[in-house]
Amino acid sequence: MADEFRTDDGVRLRKFIDVVVEDKVSFTLFRASIADISPTGMRVLSEQYLPKRTVYTFSFKRAPFFVFRGEVRWVETFERDVFAVGVQFLDLSADDQARLTEFLEIERQRAPSA
């Protein structure tokens, strides 16, 4: 299921974050957007199909300018020619984890109350 890796700590972003996705094996770069993010992973929307179990580098194009490595855990069609992709973070440093936790807390505070 699409939400298999999500936790209650995740945040649906008010505004998508553009990222550059890099496949270091094929030296390919393309753009995508992050729709949701949690301490363990994120949901990426991409016009490119990203195969399961493939590892990519994701570079945020705006603040907080993270660069994360992640493995594709699931893929499903989001809408015509766009895929929703579940990515689990790999090898987050303690500093990156702390910055991500701080970013998530700020985004939670900005989110409108349900």
N, C-alpha and C. Protein backbone atom coordinates (compact mmCIF):
# COMPACT_ATOMS: atom_id res chain seq x y z
N MET A 1 0.84 -1.19 0.00
CA MET A 1 0.00 0.00 0.00
C MET A 1 0.88 1.24 0.00
N ALA A 2 0.37 2.30 -0.56
CA ALA A 2 1.15 3.51 -0.74
C ALA A 2 1.66 4.10 0.56
N ASP A 3 0.91 3.96 1.64
CA ASP A 3 1.30 4.59 2.89
C ASP A 3 2.04 3.64 3.82
N GLU A 4 2.60 2.55 3.30
CA GLU A 4 3.19 1.52 4.14
C GLU A 4 4.33 2.01 5.02
N PHE A 5 5.08 3.04 4.62
CA PHE A 5 6.20 3.48 5.44
C PHE A 5 5.88 4.74 6.23
N ARG A 6 4.70 5.31 6.05
CA ARG A 6 4.38 6.57 6.71
C ARG A 6 4.17 6.38 8.20
N THR A 7 4.51 7.42 8.93
CA THR A 7 4.30 7.42 10.37
C THR A 7 3.44 8.62 10.72
N ASP A 8 3.02 8.68 11.96
CA ASP A 8 2.25 9.84 12.41
C ASP A 8 3.10 11.10 12.46
N ASP A 9 4.41 10.96 12.34
CA ASP A 9 5.30 12.11 12.38
C ASP A 9 5.43 12.81 11.04
N GLY A 10 4.77 12.27 9.99
CA GLY A 10 4.87 12.84 8.66
C GLY A 10 4.09 14.13 8.53
N VAL A 11 4.45 14.91 7.51
CA VAL A 11 3.83 16.20 7.26
C VAL A 11 3.45 16.27 5.79
N ARG A 12 2.19 16.57 5.51
CA ARG A 12 1.78 16.88 4.14
C ARG A 12 2.14 18.34 3.92
N LEU A 13 2.99 18.60 2.96
CA LEU A 13 3.50 19.94 2.74
C LEU A 13 2.43 20.86 2.16
N ARG A 14 2.42 22.10 2.62
CA ARG A 14 1.48 23.10 2.11
C ARG A 14 1.82 23.44 0.66
N LYS A 15 3.09 23.40 0.34
CA LYS A 15 3.59 23.74 -0.99
C LYS A 15 4.65 22.71 -1.34
N PHE A 16 4.53 22.10 -2.51
CA PHE A 16 5.51 21.09 -2.92
C PHE A 16 6.91 21.69 -2.95
N ILE A 17 7.89 20.83 -2.63
CA ILE A 17 9.30 21.23 -2.70
C ILE A 17 9.90 20.59 -3.95
N ASP A 18 10.43 21.41 -4.83
CA ASP A 18 11.08 20.89 -6.03
C ASP A 18 12.41 20.27 -5.66
N VAL A 19 12.71 19.14 -6.28
CA VAL A 19 13.98 18.45 -6.06
C VAL A 19 14.58 18.06 -7.40
N VAL A 20 15.89 17.90 -7.39
CA VAL A 20 16.59 17.28 -8.50
C VAL A 20 16.89 15.86 -8.06
N VAL A 21 16.53 14.90 -8.90
CA VAL A 21 16.76 13.49 -8.62
C VAL A 21 17.95 13.05 -9.46
N GLU A 22 18.93 12.44 -8.80
CA GLU A 22 20.14 12.02 -9.50
C GLU A 22 20.31 10.51 -9.35
N ASP A 23 20.48 9.87 -10.50
CA ASP A 23 20.82 8.45 -10.53
C ASP A 23 22.32 8.38 -10.79
N LYS A 24 23.07 8.07 -9.75
CA LYS A 24 24.53 8.07 -9.86
C LYS A 24 25.05 6.95 -10.75
N VAL A 25 24.26 5.88 -10.94
CA VAL A 25 24.69 4.76 -11.78
C VAL A 25 24.66 5.16 -13.26
N SER A 26 23.56 5.81 -13.68
CA SER A 26 23.43 6.17 -15.10
C SER A 26 23.77 7.63 -15.37
N PHE A 27 24.15 8.37 -14.34
CA PHE A 27 24.49 9.80 -14.46
C PHE A 27 23.31 10.60 -15.04
N THR A 28 22.11 10.26 -14.62
CA THR A 28 20.90 10.92 -15.09
C THR A 28 20.37 11.87 -14.03
N LEU A 29 19.92 13.06 -14.46
CA LEU A 29 19.30 14.04 -13.58
C LEU A 29 17.91 14.36 -14.12
N PHE A 30 16.93 14.52 -13.22
CA PHE A 30 15.62 15.00 -13.63
C PHE A 30 14.95 15.65 -12.43
N ARG A 31 13.87 16.37 -12.70
CA ARG A 31 13.16 17.11 -11.65
C ARG A 31 11.96 16.32 -11.14
N ALA A 32 11.62 16.58 -9.88
CA ALA A 32 10.44 15.99 -9.25
C ALA A 32 10.00 16.95 -8.14
N SER A 33 8.95 16.58 -7.43
CA SER A 33 8.44 17.40 -6.32
C SER A 33 8.13 16.51 -5.13
N ILE A 34 8.36 17.05 -3.94
CA ILE A 34 8.04 16.34 -2.71
C ILE A 34 6.68 16.84 -2.21
N ALA A 35 5.78 15.88 -1.96
CA ALA A 35 4.43 16.22 -1.48
C ALA A 35 4.29 16.01 0.02
N ASP A 36 4.90 14.95 0.55
CA ASP A 36 4.86 14.62 1.98
C ASP A 36 6.26 14.24 2.41
N ILE A 37 6.53 14.48 3.69
CA ILE A 37 7.85 14.10 4.21
C ILE A 37 7.70 13.71 5.68
N SER A 38 8.52 12.76 6.12
CA SER A 38 8.52 12.30 7.51
C SER A 38 9.97 12.09 7.93
N PRO A 39 10.21 11.71 9.18
CA PRO A 39 11.59 11.47 9.61
C PRO A 39 12.25 10.29 8.88
N THR A 40 11.46 9.42 8.27
CA THR A 40 12.04 8.22 7.64
C THR A 40 11.96 8.22 6.11
N GLY A 41 11.18 9.13 5.53
CA GLY A 41 11.07 9.12 4.08
C GLY A 41 10.15 10.20 3.56
N MET A 42 9.79 10.08 2.27
CA MET A 42 8.98 11.10 1.63
C MET A 42 8.21 10.52 0.45
N ARG A 43 7.16 11.24 0.05
CA ARG A 43 6.42 10.90 -1.16
C ARG A 43 6.82 11.91 -2.22
N VAL A 44 7.34 11.39 -3.32
CA VAL A 44 7.83 12.20 -4.42
C VAL A 44 6.88 12.04 -5.60
N LEU A 45 6.59 13.14 -6.29
CA LEU A 45 5.79 13.11 -7.52
C LEU A 45 6.73 13.37 -8.69
N SER A 46 6.71 12.45 -9.66
CA SER A 46 7.67 12.52 -10.76
C SER A 46 7.04 12.09 -12.07
N GLU A 47 7.44 12.74 -13.15
CA GLU A 47 7.02 12.30 -14.48
C GLU A 47 7.86 11.10 -14.93
N GLN A 48 8.96 10.87 -14.25
CA GLN A 48 9.83 9.72 -14.53
C GLN A 48 9.40 8.54 -13.67
N TYR A 49 9.41 7.37 -14.24
CA TYR A 49 9.15 6.17 -13.46
C TYR A 49 10.42 5.81 -12.70
N LEU A 50 10.32 5.67 -11.39
CA LEU A 50 11.47 5.31 -10.55
C LEU A 50 11.24 3.88 -10.06
N PRO A 51 12.03 2.92 -10.53
CA PRO A 51 11.81 1.52 -10.15
C PRO A 51 12.04 1.27 -8.66
N LYS A 52 11.25 0.33 -8.12
CA LYS A 52 11.43 -0.09 -6.73
C LYS A 52 12.85 -0.58 -6.50
N ARG A 53 13.32 -0.38 -5.26
CA ARG A 53 14.64 -0.80 -4.79
C ARG A 53 15.80 -0.07 -5.46
N THR A 54 15.50 1.01 -6.19
CA THR A 54 16.56 1.81 -6.80
C THR A 54 16.91 2.94 -5.84
N VAL A 55 18.21 3.27 -5.75
CA VAL A 55 18.68 4.32 -4.85
C VAL A 55 19.00 5.57 -5.68
N TYR A 56 18.51 6.70 -5.20
CA TYR A 56 18.73 7.99 -5.86
C TYR A 56 19.22 9.01 -4.83
N THR A 57 19.77 10.11 -5.33
CA THR A 57 20.11 11.26 -4.50
C THR A 57 19.09 12.35 -4.81
N PHE A 58 18.49 12.92 -3.77
CA PHE A 58 17.46 13.94 -3.90
C PHE A 58 18.00 15.25 -3.33
N SER A 59 18.08 16.30 -4.16
CA SER A 59 18.59 17.60 -3.74
C SER A 59 17.46 18.62 -3.77
N PHE A 60 17.13 19.16 -2.60
CA PHE A 60 16.06 20.16 -2.50
C PHE A 60 16.51 21.44 -3.19
N LYS A 61 15.61 22.05 -3.96
CA LYS A 61 15.95 23.26 -4.71
C LYS A 61 15.60 24.54 -3.97
N ARG A 62 15.06 24.43 -2.75
CA ARG A 62 14.80 25.61 -1.91
C ARG A 62 15.01 25.20 -0.46
N ALA A 63 14.98 26.18 0.42
CA ALA A 63 15.20 25.92 1.84
C ALA A 63 14.31 24.77 2.28
N PRO A 64 14.88 23.86 2.99
CA PRO A 64 16.13 23.83 3.74
C PRO A 64 17.33 23.26 2.98
N PHE A 65 17.24 23.09 1.67
CA PHE A 65 18.37 22.66 0.83
C PHE A 65 19.01 21.35 1.28
N PHE A 66 18.19 20.38 1.65
CA PHE A 66 18.70 19.06 2.02
C PHE A 66 19.22 18.33 0.78
N VAL A 67 20.14 17.42 1.01
CA VAL A 67 20.55 16.44 0.00
C VAL A 67 20.49 15.09 0.70
N PHE A 68 19.54 14.23 0.26
CA PHE A 68 19.33 12.93 0.88
C PHE A 68 19.48 11.82 -0.14
N ARG A 69 20.00 10.69 0.32
CA ARG A 69 19.95 9.47 -0.48
C ARG A 69 18.74 8.68 -0.01
N GLY A 70 18.03 8.09 -0.98
CA GLY A 70 16.86 7.33 -0.60
C GLY A 70 16.60 6.19 -1.56
N GLU A 71 15.93 5.16 -1.03
CA GLU A 71 15.57 3.98 -1.83
C GLU A 71 14.07 4.00 -2.11
N VAL A 72 13.72 3.74 -3.37
CA VAL A 72 12.31 3.68 -3.76
C VAL A 72 11.70 2.42 -3.15
N ARG A 73 10.61 2.60 -2.38
CA ARG A 73 9.93 1.48 -1.72
C ARG A 73 8.64 1.10 -2.41
N TRP A 74 7.96 2.07 -3.02
CA TRP A 74 6.72 1.79 -3.76
C TRP A 74 6.53 2.84 -4.85
N VAL A 75 5.76 2.45 -5.87
CA VAL A 75 5.45 3.35 -6.99
C VAL A 75 4.00 3.12 -7.38
N GLU A 76 3.26 4.19 -7.63
CA GLU A 76 1.90 4.06 -8.14
C GLU A 76 1.61 5.25 -9.05
N THR A 77 0.65 5.08 -9.92
CA THR A 77 0.25 6.17 -10.80
C THR A 77 -0.49 7.21 -9.98
N PHE A 78 -0.07 8.46 -10.07
CA PHE A 78 -0.70 9.56 -9.35
C PHE A 78 -1.80 10.19 -10.21
N GLU A 79 -1.42 10.56 -11.39
CA GLU A 79 -2.34 11.03 -12.42
C GLU A 79 -1.65 10.78 -13.75
N ARG A 80 -2.30 11.08 -14.81
CA ARG A 80 -1.75 10.77 -16.12
C ARG A 80 -0.29 11.26 -16.24
N ASP A 81 0.59 10.36 -16.56
CA ASP A 81 2.02 10.65 -16.78
C ASP A 81 2.75 11.17 -15.54
N VAL A 82 2.19 10.99 -14.36
CA VAL A 82 2.87 11.37 -13.12
C VAL A 82 2.78 10.19 -12.15
N PHE A 83 3.92 9.89 -11.52
CA PHE A 83 4.00 8.78 -10.57
C PHE A 83 4.19 9.32 -9.16
N ALA A 84 3.53 8.69 -8.20
CA ALA A 84 3.78 8.93 -6.78
C ALA A 84 4.74 7.84 -6.34
N VAL A 85 5.81 8.25 -5.68
CA VAL A 85 6.89 7.34 -5.33
C VAL A 85 7.20 7.47 -3.84
N GLY A 86 7.19 6.36 -3.13
CA GLY A 86 7.57 6.35 -1.73
C GLY A 86 9.06 6.10 -1.61
N VAL A 87 9.75 6.99 -0.93
CA VAL A 87 11.21 6.92 -0.79
C VAL A 87 11.56 6.82 0.68
N GLN A 88 12.37 5.83 1.02
CA GLN A 88 12.87 5.68 2.38
C GLN A 88 14.28 6.25 2.43
N PHE A 89 14.55 7.13 3.40
CA PHE A 89 15.87 7.73 3.53
C PHE A 89 16.91 6.68 3.90
N LEU A 90 18.12 6.87 3.39
CA LEU A 90 19.25 5.99 3.70
C LEU A 90 20.38 6.83 4.31
N ASP A 91 21.04 6.29 5.29
CA ASP A 91 22.28 6.86 5.82
C ASP A 91 22.18 8.33 6.23
N LEU A 92 21.09 8.71 6.90
CA LEU A 92 21.00 10.09 7.37
C LEU A 92 21.99 10.31 8.50
N SER A 93 22.77 11.36 8.39
CA SER A 93 23.69 11.71 9.47
C SER A 93 22.87 12.26 10.64
N ALA A 94 23.48 12.31 11.80
CA ALA A 94 22.81 12.87 12.98
C ALA A 94 22.44 14.33 12.74
N ASP A 95 23.31 15.07 12.05
CA ASP A 95 23.05 16.47 11.73
C ASP A 95 21.85 16.60 10.79
N ASP A 96 21.82 15.77 9.74
CA ASP A 96 20.69 15.81 8.80
C ASP A 96 19.39 15.42 9.50
N GLN A 97 19.44 14.41 10.37
CA GLN A 97 18.24 13.99 11.10
C GLN A 97 17.73 15.13 11.99
N ALA A 98 18.65 15.83 12.65
CA ALA A 98 18.25 16.95 13.52
C ALA A 98 17.65 18.09 12.68
N ARG A 99 18.26 18.40 11.55
CA ARG A 99 17.73 19.46 10.67
C ARG A 99 16.37 19.07 10.12
N LEU A 100 16.20 17.80 9.76
CA LEU A 100 14.92 17.32 9.23
C LEU A 100 13.84 17.40 10.31
N THR A 101 14.16 16.99 11.52
CA THR A 101 13.21 17.06 12.63
C THR A 101 12.78 18.51 12.87
N GLU A 102 13.73 19.44 12.84
CA GLU A 102 13.42 20.86 13.01
C GLU A 102 12.52 21.36 11.87
N PHE A 103 12.83 20.98 10.64
CA PHE A 103 12.02 21.37 9.48
C PHE A 103 10.59 20.84 9.62
N LEU A 104 10.45 19.57 10.02
CA LEU A 104 9.12 18.98 10.18
C LEU A 104 8.31 19.71 11.24
N GLU A 105 8.94 20.08 12.33
CA GLU A 105 8.25 20.80 13.40
C GLU A 105 7.77 22.17 12.91
N ILE A 106 8.60 22.86 12.16
CA ILE A 106 8.21 24.17 11.61
C ILE A 106 7.02 23.99 10.65
N GLU A 107 7.07 22.97 9.80
CA GLU A 107 5.97 22.72 8.86
C GLU A 107 4.68 22.34 9.60
N ARG A 108 4.78 21.58 10.67
CA ARG A 108 3.59 21.22 11.47
C ARG A 108 2.93 22.47 12.05
N GLN A 109 3.75 23.40 12.51
CA GLN A 109 3.24 24.63 13.10
C GLN A 109 2.56 25.51 12.05
N ARG A 110 3.03 25.44 10.82
CA ARG A 110 2.46 26.24 9.73
C ARG A 110 1.18 25.64 9.17
N ALA A 111 1.01 24.34 9.35
CA ALA A 111 -0.15 23.66 8.78
C ALA A 111 -1.43 24.12 9.47
N PRO A 112 -2.49 24.34 8.70
CA PRO A 112 -3.75 24.74 9.33
C PRO A 112 -4.31 23.60 10.18
N SER A 113 -4.96 23.94 11.26
CA SER A 113 -5.56 22.94 12.14
C SER A 113 -6.74 22.29 11.44
N ALA A 114 -6.87 20.96 11.66
CA ALA A 114 -7.98 20.24 11.02
C ALA A 114 -9.25 20.38 11.82
